């Protein structure tokens, strides 16, 4: 599948992969900051943003989407940065197609199975009546019980188009069906990825725990870990200055191999 891409800048390619219910535009601050030195490509993952809607969201499928898109854009190999769902897709891409990934930054996710209630979130979103009279306040009220954090509700509802034909931009039905795969992890069974790897975690997040590190090191032996203060799971949104500092240091000597 060819994914929708937002591109900025020229230079060695840097690819940004968003998390569940997100979109390429979520990386706007990082993309603008990096564009003077790099060709920065933010992708809408399948069933997100302006990319096609299609059933099947195993991480092997998401990784193949990214590979096919970057091949069409003549952007291989690339430095790959992925947050949450995008981080898992980036890990699978690096493990299954190591020559495509010049270096890898994974933001606040580990190669493990999670259970973070996304099934209930998706069900609440699907319960919103998509009537022409629908208002943002009404939609917010429907999902409030399942999603008590108003900032997270605003993030989710940014995917909803209001008007005469209220509709979801995202493939919500396809995403809802894929939640077990998206919260899960299937070991690709490939040799370790030996390229430079950084796991950047939110200092206030519990997504990447000390007990996850042996598995991470087994798959990514060149890994380094860095915690970013004053950030939860949405690291680049919670502390954009801190995340950008880490990202720029990670990319400072990145050049596409000849």
C-alpha atoms as a PDB file:
ATOM      1  CA  UNK A   1       0.000   0.000   0.000  1.00  0.00           C
ATOM      2  CA  UNK A   2       1.226   3.482  -0.855  1.00  0.00           C
ATOM      3  CA  UNK A   3       0.713   5.759   2.138  1.00  0.00           C
ATOM      4  CA  UNK A   4      -0.009   9.466   2.165  1.00  0.00           C
ATOM      5  CA  UNK A   5       3.201  11.387   2.773  1.00  0.00           C
ATOM      6  CA  UNK A   6       3.855  14.940   3.947  1.00  0.00           C
ATOM      7  CA  UNK A   7       7.360  15.984   2.927  1.00  0.00           C
ATOM      8  CA  UNK A   8       9.579  18.934   3.812  1.00  0.00           C
ATOM      9  CA  UNK A   9      13.226  19.793   3.279  1.00  0.00           C
ATOM     10  CA  UNK A  10      16.078  18.210   1.381  1.00  0.00           C
ATOM     11  CA  UNK A  11      18.910  15.952   2.431  1.00  0.00           C
ATOM     12  CA  UNK A  12      19.204  12.492   3.975  1.00  0.00           C
ATOM     13  CA  UNK A  13      15.725  11.012   4.473  1.00  0.00           C
ATOM     14  CA  UNK A  14      14.159  10.920   7.923  1.00  0.00           C
ATOM     15  CA  UNK A  15      10.802   9.133   8.235  1.00  0.00           C
ATOM     16  CA  UNK A  16       8.285   9.867  10.993  1.00  0.00           C
ATOM     17  CA  UNK A  17       5.621   7.295  11.931  1.00  0.00           C
ATOM     18  CA  UNK A  18       2.748   8.286  14.220  1.00  0.00           C
ATOM     19  CA  UNK A  19       0.865   6.308  16.835  1.00  0.00           C
ATOM     20  CA  UNK A  20      -2.636   4.842  17.050  1.00  0.00           C
ATOM     21  CA  UNK A  21      -5.433   7.303  16.132  1.00  0.00           C
ATOM     22  CA  UNK A  22      -2.765   9.825  15.084  1.00  0.00           C
ATOM     23  CA  UNK A  23      -1.675  11.252  11.744  1.00  0.00           C
ATOM     24  CA  UNK A  24       1.369  12.551   9.921  1.00  0.00           C
ATOM     25  CA  UNK A  25       0.446  16.093  10.892  1.00  0.00           C
ATOM     26  CA  UNK A  26       1.115  15.237  14.557  1.00  0.00           C
ATOM     27  CA  UNK A  27       4.831  15.519  13.718  1.00  0.00           C
ATOM     28  CA  UNK A  28       4.543  19.098  12.378  1.00  0.00           C
ATOM     29  CA  UNK A  29       6.799  20.715  14.982  1.00  0.00           C
ATOM     30  CA  UNK A  30       9.520  18.095  14.550  1.00  0.00           C
ATOM     31  CA  UNK A  31       9.253  18.167  10.765  1.00  0.00           C
ATOM     32  CA  UNK A  32       9.660  21.932  10.564  1.00  0.00           C
ATOM     33  CA  UNK A  33      12.635  21.849  12.913  1.00  0.00           C
ATOM     34  CA  UNK A  34      14.453  19.122  10.953  1.00  0.00           C
ATOM     35  CA  UNK A  35      13.621  20.297   7.431  1.00  0.00           C
ATOM     36  CA  UNK A  36      16.601  22.697   7.087  1.00  0.00           C
ATOM     37  CA  UNK A  37      18.967  19.691   7.212  1.00  0.00           C
ATOM     38  CA  UNK A  38      16.953  16.639   6.198  1.00  0.00           C
ATOM     39  CA  UNK A  39      14.298  15.411   3.824  1.00  0.00           C
ATOM     40  CA  UNK A  40      11.621  14.766   6.426  1.00  0.00           C
ATOM     41  CA  UNK A  41       8.804  12.429   5.413  1.00  0.00           C
ATOM     42  CA  UNK A  42       5.832  12.068   7.761  1.00  0.00           C
ATOM     43  CA  UNK A  43       3.526   9.214   6.785  1.00  0.00           C
ATOM     44  CA  UNK A  44      -0.139   8.547   7.507  1.00  0.00           C
ATOM     45  CA  UNK A  45      -0.261   4.873   8.454  1.00  0.00           C
ATOM     46  CA  UNK A  46      -2.987   2.758   6.832  1.00  0.00           C
ATOM     47  CA  UNK A  47      -6.492   3.584   8.078  1.00  0.00           C
ATOM     48  CA  UNK A  48      -5.179   6.908   9.407  1.00  0.00           C
ATOM     49  CA  UNK A  49      -5.057  10.432   8.005  1.00  0.00           C
ATOM     50  CA  UNK A  50      -5.329  10.525   4.212  1.00  0.00           C
ATOM     51  CA  UNK A  51      -3.970   7.016   3.616  1.00  0.00           C
ATOM     52  CA  UNK A  52      -6.173   4.232   2.204  1.00  0.00           C
ATOM     53  CA  UNK A  53      -8.499   2.242   4.433  1.00  0.00           C
ATOM     54  CA  UNK A  54      -7.981  -1.505   4.317  1.00  0.00           C
ATOM     55  CA  UNK A  55      -8.492  -4.406   6.696  1.00  0.00           C
ATOM     56  CA  UNK A  56      -5.455  -5.985   8.288  1.00  0.00           C
ATOM     57  CA  UNK A  57      -3.101  -4.097  10.610  1.00  0.00           C
ATOM     58  CA  UNK A  58      -0.510  -6.628  11.707  1.00  0.00           C
ATOM     59  CA  UNK A  59       2.818  -4.922  12.186  1.00  0.00           C
ATOM     60  CA  UNK A  60       4.319  -6.902   9.317  1.00  0.00           C
ATOM     61  CA  UNK A  61       1.684  -5.312   7.062  1.00  0.00           C
ATOM     62  CA  UNK A  62       2.313  -1.828   8.417  1.00  0.00           C
ATOM     63  CA  UNK A  63       6.059  -2.253   7.923  1.00  0.00           C
ATOM     64  CA  UNK A  64       5.547  -3.380   4.325  1.00  0.00           C
ATOM     65  CA  UNK A  65       3.378  -0.298   3.688  1.00  0.00           C
ATOM     66  CA  UNK A  66       6.210   1.924   4.893  1.00  0.00           C
ATOM     67  CA  UNK A  67       8.794   0.052   2.820  1.00  0.00           C
ATOM     68  CA  UNK A  68       6.699   0.226  -0.354  1.00  0.00           C
ATOM     69  CA  UNK A  69       6.002   3.926   0.109  1.00  0.00           C
ATOM     70  CA  UNK A  70       9.624   4.853   0.785  1.00  0.00           C
ATOM     71  CA  UNK A  71      10.692   2.813  -2.233  1.00  0.00           C
ATOM     72  CA  UNK A  72       8.300   4.758  -4.452  1.00  0.00           C
ATOM     73  CA  UNK A  73       9.598   8.029  -2.982  1.00  0.00           C
ATOM     74  CA  UNK A  74      13.219   6.973  -3.576  1.00  0.00           C
ATOM     75  CA  UNK A  75      13.873   7.518   0.140  1.00  0.00           C
ATOM     76  CA  UNK A  76      15.783   4.369   1.089  1.00  0.00           C
ATOM     77  CA  UNK A  77      17.633   3.826   3.298  1.00  0.00           C
ATOM     78  CA  UNK A  78      16.109   6.193   5.822  1.00  0.00           C
ATOM     79  CA  UNK A  79      16.473   7.093   9.458  1.00  0.00           C
ATOM     80  CA  UNK A  80      13.173   5.857  10.897  1.00  0.00           C
ATOM     81  CA  UNK A  81      11.449   7.430  13.899  1.00  0.00           C
ATOM     82  CA  UNK A  82       8.291   5.837  15.246  1.00  0.00           C
ATOM     83  CA  UNK A  83       6.024   6.605  18.177  1.00  0.00           C
ATOM     84  CA  UNK A  84       3.908   3.919  19.863  1.00  0.00           C
ATOM     85  CA  UNK A  85       2.145   2.003  17.063  1.00  0.00           C
ATOM     86  CA  UNK A  86       4.545   3.638  14.623  1.00  0.00           C
ATOM     87  CA  UNK A  87       7.421   2.544  16.835  1.00  0.00           C
ATOM     88  CA  UNK A  88       6.360  -1.085  16.646  1.00  0.00           C
ATOM     89  CA  UNK A  89       6.006  -0.837  12.868  1.00  0.00           C
ATOM     90  CA  UNK A  90       9.468   0.742  12.725  1.00  0.00           C
ATOM     91  CA  UNK A  91      10.933  -2.100  14.801  1.00  0.00           C
ATOM     92  CA  UNK A  92       9.451  -4.727  12.491  1.00  0.00           C
ATOM     93  CA  UNK A  93      10.720  -2.829   9.446  1.00  0.00           C
ATOM     94  CA  UNK A  94      14.243  -2.746  10.891  1.00  0.00           C
ATOM     95  CA  UNK A  95      14.156  -6.448  11.771  1.00  0.00           C
ATOM     96  CA  UNK A  96      12.703  -7.627   8.461  1.00  0.00           C
ATOM     97  CA  UNK A  97      14.398  -5.163   6.082  1.00  0.00           C
ATOM     98  CA  UNK A  98      17.530  -3.939   7.896  1.00  0.00           C
ATOM     99  CA  UNK A  99      19.066  -2.449   4.765  1.00  0.00           C
ATOM    100  CA  UNK A 100      16.102  -0.043   4.531  1.00  0.00           C
ATOM    101  CA  UNK A 101      16.708   1.437   7.989  1.00  0.00           C
ATOM    102  CA  UNK A 102      19.859   3.476   8.423  1.00  0.00           C
ATOM    103  CA  UNK A 103      19.117   4.041  12.100  1.00  0.00           C
ATOM    104  CA  UNK A 104      16.116   3.619  14.339  1.00  0.00           C
ATOM    105  CA  UNK A 105      14.484   5.751  17.038  1.00  0.00           C
ATOM    106  CA  UNK A 106      11.583   4.184  18.936  1.00  0.00           C
ATOM    107  CA  UNK A 107       9.488   6.531  21.054  1.00  0.00           C
ATOM    108  CA  UNK A 108       7.874   5.123  24.197  1.00  0.00           C
ATOM    109  CA  UNK A 109       6.951   1.601  23.182  1.00  0.00           C
ATOM    110  CA  UNK A 110       8.519  -1.833  23.668  1.00  0.00           C
ATOM    111  CA  UNK A 111       8.310  -5.050  21.621  1.00  0.00           C
ATOM    112  CA  UNK A 112       5.810  -6.578  24.053  1.00  0.00           C
ATOM    113  CA  UNK A 113       2.064  -7.144  24.334  1.00  0.00           C
ATOM    114  CA  UNK A 114       0.054  -4.319  25.911  1.00  0.00           C
ATOM    115  CA  UNK A 115      -3.486  -4.007  27.199  1.00  0.00           C
ATOM    116  CA  UNK A 116      -4.259  -0.318  27.385  1.00  0.00           C
ATOM    117  CA  UNK A 117      -8.015  -0.268  26.859  1.00  0.00           C
ATOM    118  CA  UNK A 118      -7.979   0.745  23.211  1.00  0.00           C
ATOM    119  CA  UNK A 119     -10.823  -1.663  22.469  1.00  0.00           C
ATOM    120  CA  UNK A 120     -13.080   0.351  24.770  1.00  0.00           C
ATOM    121  CA  UNK A 121     -11.858   3.615  23.277  1.00  0.00           C
ATOM    122  CA  UNK A 122     -12.638   2.431  19.749  1.00  0.00           C
ATOM    123  CA  UNK A 123     -16.081   1.220  20.857  1.00  0.00           C
ATOM    124  CA  UNK A 124     -16.843   4.613  22.388  1.00  0.00           C
ATOM    125  CA  UNK A 125     -15.776   6.367  19.202  1.00  0.00           C
ATOM    126  CA  UNK A 126     -17.972   4.073  17.105  1.00  0.00           C
ATOM    127  CA  UNK A 127     -20.917   4.864  19.418  1.00  0.00           C
ATOM    128  CA  UNK A 128     -20.921   8.523  18.364  1.00  0.00           C
ATOM    129  CA  UNK A 129     -24.040   9.081  16.183  1.00  0.00           C
ATOM    130  CA  UNK A 130     -22.802  10.581  12.925  1.00  0.00           C
ATOM    131  CA  UNK A 131     -25.818  12.829  12.366  1.00  0.00           C
ATOM    132  CA  UNK A 132     -25.665  16.081  10.358  1.00  0.00           C
ATOM    133  CA  UNK A 133     -26.500  17.978  13.557  1.00  0.00           C
ATOM    134  CA  UNK A 134     -23.632  16.415  15.518  1.00  0.00           C
ATOM    135  CA  UNK A 135     -21.590  18.921  17.513  1.00  0.00           C
ATOM    136  CA  UNK A 136     -18.155  18.528  19.023  1.00  0.00           C
ATOM    137  CA  UNK A 137     -19.650  18.870  22.505  1.00  0.00           C
ATOM    138  CA  UNK A 138     -22.070  16.009  21.820  1.00  0.00           C
ATOM    139  CA  UNK A 139     -19.291  13.792  20.488  1.00  0.00           C
ATOM    140  CA  UNK A 140     -17.111  14.654  23.461  1.00  0.00           C
ATOM    141  CA  UNK A 141     -19.925  13.702  25.844  1.00  0.00           C
ATOM    142  CA  UNK A 142     -20.318  10.257  24.238  1.00  0.00           C
ATOM    143  CA  UNK A 143     -16.667   9.300  24.720  1.00  0.00           C
ATOM    144  CA  UNK A 144     -16.148  10.992  28.096  1.00  0.00           C
ATOM    145  CA  UNK A 145     -16.708   7.883  30.201  1.00  0.00           C
ATOM    146  CA  UNK A 146     -14.276   5.749  28.202  1.00  0.00           C
ATOM    147  CA  UNK A 147     -11.750   8.582  27.829  1.00  0.00           C
ATOM    148  CA  UNK A 148     -11.763  10.795  30.932  1.00  0.00           C
ATOM    149  CA  UNK A 149      -8.719  12.878  29.900  1.00  0.00           C
ATOM    150  CA  UNK A 150      -9.992  15.904  27.917  1.00  0.00           C
ATOM    151  CA  UNK A 151      -6.706  16.277  26.030  1.00  0.00           C
ATOM    152  CA  UNK A 152      -6.898  12.676  24.818  1.00  0.00           C
ATOM    153  CA  UNK A 153     -10.547  13.163  23.813  1.00  0.00           C
ATOM    154  CA  UNK A 154      -9.599  16.224  21.803  1.00  0.00           C
ATOM    155  CA  UNK A 155      -6.858  14.203  20.103  1.00  0.00           C
ATOM    156  CA  UNK A 156      -9.271  11.411  19.198  1.00  0.00           C
ATOM    157  CA  UNK A 157     -11.981  13.773  17.975  1.00  0.00           C
ATOM    158  CA  UNK A 158      -9.513  15.549  15.692  1.00  0.00           C
ATOM    159  CA  UNK A 159     -10.217  12.566  13.410  1.00  0.00           C
ATOM    160  CA  UNK A 160     -13.915  13.439  13.182  1.00  0.00           C
ATOM    161  CA  UNK A 161     -15.233  15.716  10.431  1.00  0.00           C
ATOM    162  CA  UNK A 162     -18.330  17.665  11.461  1.00  0.00           C
ATOM    163  CA  UNK A 163     -20.908  19.004   9.030  1.00  0.00           C
ATOM    164  CA  UNK A 164     -23.716  17.945   6.740  1.00  0.00           C
ATOM    165  CA  UNK A 165     -22.069  14.542   6.355  1.00  0.00           C
ATOM    166  CA  UNK A 166     -20.270  13.974   9.643  1.00  0.00           C
ATOM    167  CA  UNK A 167     -17.714  11.208   9.206  1.00  0.00           C
ATOM    168  CA  UNK A 168     -14.436   9.787  10.445  1.00  0.00           C
ATOM    169  CA  UNK A 169     -11.283  10.486   8.472  1.00  0.00           C
ATOM    170  CA  UNK A 170      -9.813   7.289   9.836  1.00  0.00           C
ATOM    171  CA  UNK A 171     -10.868   3.735   9.021  1.00  0.00           C
ATOM    172  CA  UNK A 172     -12.411   3.340  12.456  1.00  0.00           C
ATOM    173  CA  UNK A 173     -14.043  -0.033  11.783  1.00  0.00           C
ATOM    174  CA  UNK A 174     -10.780  -1.455  10.444  1.00  0.00           C
ATOM    175  CA  UNK A 175      -8.827  -0.072  13.398  1.00  0.00           C
ATOM    176  CA  UNK A 176     -11.343  -1.411  15.925  1.00  0.00           C
ATOM    177  CA  UNK A 177     -11.097  -4.895  14.403  1.00  0.00           C
ATOM    178  CA  UNK A 178      -7.304  -4.731  14.568  1.00  0.00           C
ATOM    179  CA  UNK A 179      -6.911  -3.633  18.209  1.00  0.00           C
ATOM    180  CA  UNK A 180      -5.674  -7.079  19.374  1.00  0.00           C
ATOM    181  CA  UNK A 181      -2.936  -6.966  16.726  1.00  0.00           C
ATOM    182  CA  UNK A 182      -2.079  -3.336  17.469  1.00  0.00           C
ATOM    183  CA  UNK A 183      -1.765  -3.963  21.206  1.00  0.00           C
ATOM    184  CA  UNK A 184       0.094  -7.182  20.550  1.00  0.00           C
ATOM    185  CA  UNK A 185       3.534  -8.137  19.286  1.00  0.00           C
ATOM    186  CA  UNK A 186       4.620 -10.925  16.971  1.00  0.00           C
ATOM    187  CA  UNK A 187       8.350 -11.652  16.979  1.00  0.00           C
ATOM    188  CA  UNK A 188       9.394 -11.574  13.310  1.00  0.00           C
ATOM    189  CA  UNK A 189      11.900 -14.324  14.046  1.00  0.00           C
ATOM    190  CA  UNK A 190      14.701 -12.514  12.233  1.00  0.00           C
ATOM    191  CA  UNK A 191      18.312 -11.827  13.250  1.00  0.00           C
ATOM    192  CA  UNK A 192      18.861  -8.770  15.452  1.00  0.00           C
ATOM    193  CA  UNK A 193      18.979  -5.340  13.875  1.00  0.00           C
ATOM    194  CA  UNK A 194      22.534  -4.126  14.442  1.00  0.00           C
ATOM    195  CA  UNK A 195      22.133  -0.522  13.333  1.00  0.00           C
ATOM    196  CA  UNK A 196      22.217   2.422  15.699  1.00  0.00           C
ATOM    197  CA  UNK A 197      19.053   2.308  17.813  1.00  0.00           C
ATOM    198  CA  UNK A 198      17.638   4.657  20.435  1.00  0.00           C
ATOM    199  CA  UNK A 199      14.638   4.056  22.675  1.00  0.00           C
ATOM    200  CA  UNK A 200      13.345   7.437  23.890  1.00  0.00           C
ATOM    201  CA  UNK A 201      10.839   7.184  26.717  1.00  0.00           C
ATOM    202  CA  UNK A 202       8.673   9.619  28.618  1.00  0.00           C
ATOM    203  CA  UNK A 203       9.879  10.137  32.154  1.00  0.00           C
ATOM    204  CA  UNK A 204       6.272   9.903  33.391  1.00  0.00           C
ATOM    205  CA  UNK A 205       5.315   6.954  31.189  1.00  0.00           C
ATOM    206  CA  UNK A 206       5.078   3.277  32.135  1.00  0.00           C
ATOM    207  CA  UNK A 207       5.118   1.881  28.600  1.00  0.00           C
ATOM    208  CA  UNK A 208       8.807   0.869  28.587  1.00  0.00           C
ATOM    209  CA  UNK A 209       9.774  -0.805  31.857  1.00  0.00           C
ATOM    210  CA  UNK A 210      13.148  -2.098  33.094  1.00  0.00           C
ATOM    211  CA  UNK A 211      11.950  -5.672  32.609  1.00  0.00           C
ATOM    212  CA  UNK A 212      11.457  -4.958  28.894  1.00  0.00           C
ATOM    213  CA  UNK A 213      15.104  -4.115  28.310  1.00  0.00           C
ATOM    214  CA  UNK A 214      16.451  -7.676  27.891  1.00  0.00           C
ATOM    215  CA  UNK A 215      14.005  -8.311  25.038  1.00  0.00           C
ATOM    216  CA  UNK A 216      14.877  -4.975  23.464  1.00  0.00           C
ATOM    217  CA  UNK A 217      18.614  -5.640  23.695  1.00  0.00           C
ATOM    218  CA  UNK A 218      18.126  -9.089  22.214  1.00  0.00           C
ATOM    219  CA  UNK A 219      16.562  -7.602  19.081  1.00  0.00           C
ATOM    220  CA  UNK A 220      18.539  -4.340  18.968  1.00  0.00           C
ATOM    221  CA  UNK A 221      22.018  -4.949  20.427  1.00  0.00           C
ATOM    222  CA  UNK A 222      23.287  -1.451  19.552  1.00  0.00           C
ATOM    223  CA  UNK A 223      20.476   0.161  21.552  1.00  0.00           C
ATOM    224  CA  UNK A 224      20.759   3.130  23.868  1.00  0.00           C
ATOM    225  CA  UNK A 225      18.033   4.360  26.213  1.00  0.00           C
ATOM    226  CA  UNK A 226      17.151   7.925  27.109  1.00  0.00           C
ATOM    227  CA  UNK A 227      14.370   9.251  29.318  1.00  0.00           C
ATOM    228  CA  UNK A 228      12.773  12.616  28.593  1.00  0.00           C
ATOM    229  CA  UNK A 229      11.616  14.571  31.632  1.00  0.00           C
ATOM    230  CA  UNK A 230       8.177  16.115  31.949  1.00  0.00           C
ATOM    231  CA  UNK A 231       6.692  13.792  29.324  1.00  0.00           C
ATOM    232  CA  UNK A 232       4.210  10.957  29.358  1.00  0.00           C
ATOM    233  CA  UNK A 233       3.466   8.549  26.528  1.00  0.00           C
ATOM    234  CA  UNK A 234       3.026  11.329  23.927  1.00  0.00           C
ATOM    235  CA  UNK A 235       6.637  12.349  24.366  1.00  0.00           C
ATOM    236  CA  UNK A 236       7.029  14.666  21.376  1.00  0.00           C
ATOM    237  CA  UNK A 237       3.799  16.488  22.258  1.00  0.00           C
ATOM    238  CA  UNK A 238       4.323  16.655  26.027  1.00  0.00           C
ATOM    239  CA  UNK A 239       7.898  17.952  25.850  1.00  0.00           C
ATOM    240  CA  UNK A 240       8.657  18.960  22.260  1.00  0.00           C
ATOM    241  CA  UNK A 241      11.838  20.811  23.207  1.00  0.00           C
ATOM    242  CA  UNK A 242      13.246  17.837  25.085  1.00  0.00           C
ATOM    243  CA  UNK A 243      12.276  15.362  22.389  1.00  0.00           C
ATOM    244  CA  UNK A 244      13.696  17.546  19.619  1.00  0.00           C
ATOM    245  CA  UNK A 245      16.989  17.838  21.469  1.00  0.00           C
ATOM    246  CA  UNK A 246      17.246  14.048  21.672  1.00  0.00           C
ATOM    247  CA  UNK A 247      16.179  13.617  18.039  1.00  0.00           C
ATOM    248  CA  UNK A 248      18.666  16.167  16.703  1.00  0.00           C
ATOM    249  CA  UNK A 249      21.506  14.548  18.634  1.00  0.00           C
ATOM    250  CA  UNK A 250      20.467  11.152  17.275  1.00  0.00           C
ATOM    251  CA  UNK A 251      20.494  12.474  13.689  1.00  0.00           C
ATOM    252  CA  UNK A 252      23.499  14.799  13.859  1.00  0.00           C
ATOM    253  CA  UNK A 253      25.754  12.572  11.719  1.00  0.00           C
ATOM    254  CA  UNK A 254      23.057  10.856   9.671  1.00  0.00           C
ATOM    255  CA  UNK A 255      23.917  10.677   5.977  1.00  0.00           C
ATOM    256  CA  UNK A 256      22.534   8.308   3.390  1.00  0.00           C
ATOM    257  CA  UNK A 257      25.211   5.686   2.675  1.00  0.00           C
ATOM    258  CA  UNK A 258      26.695   5.911  -0.836  1.00  0.00           C
END
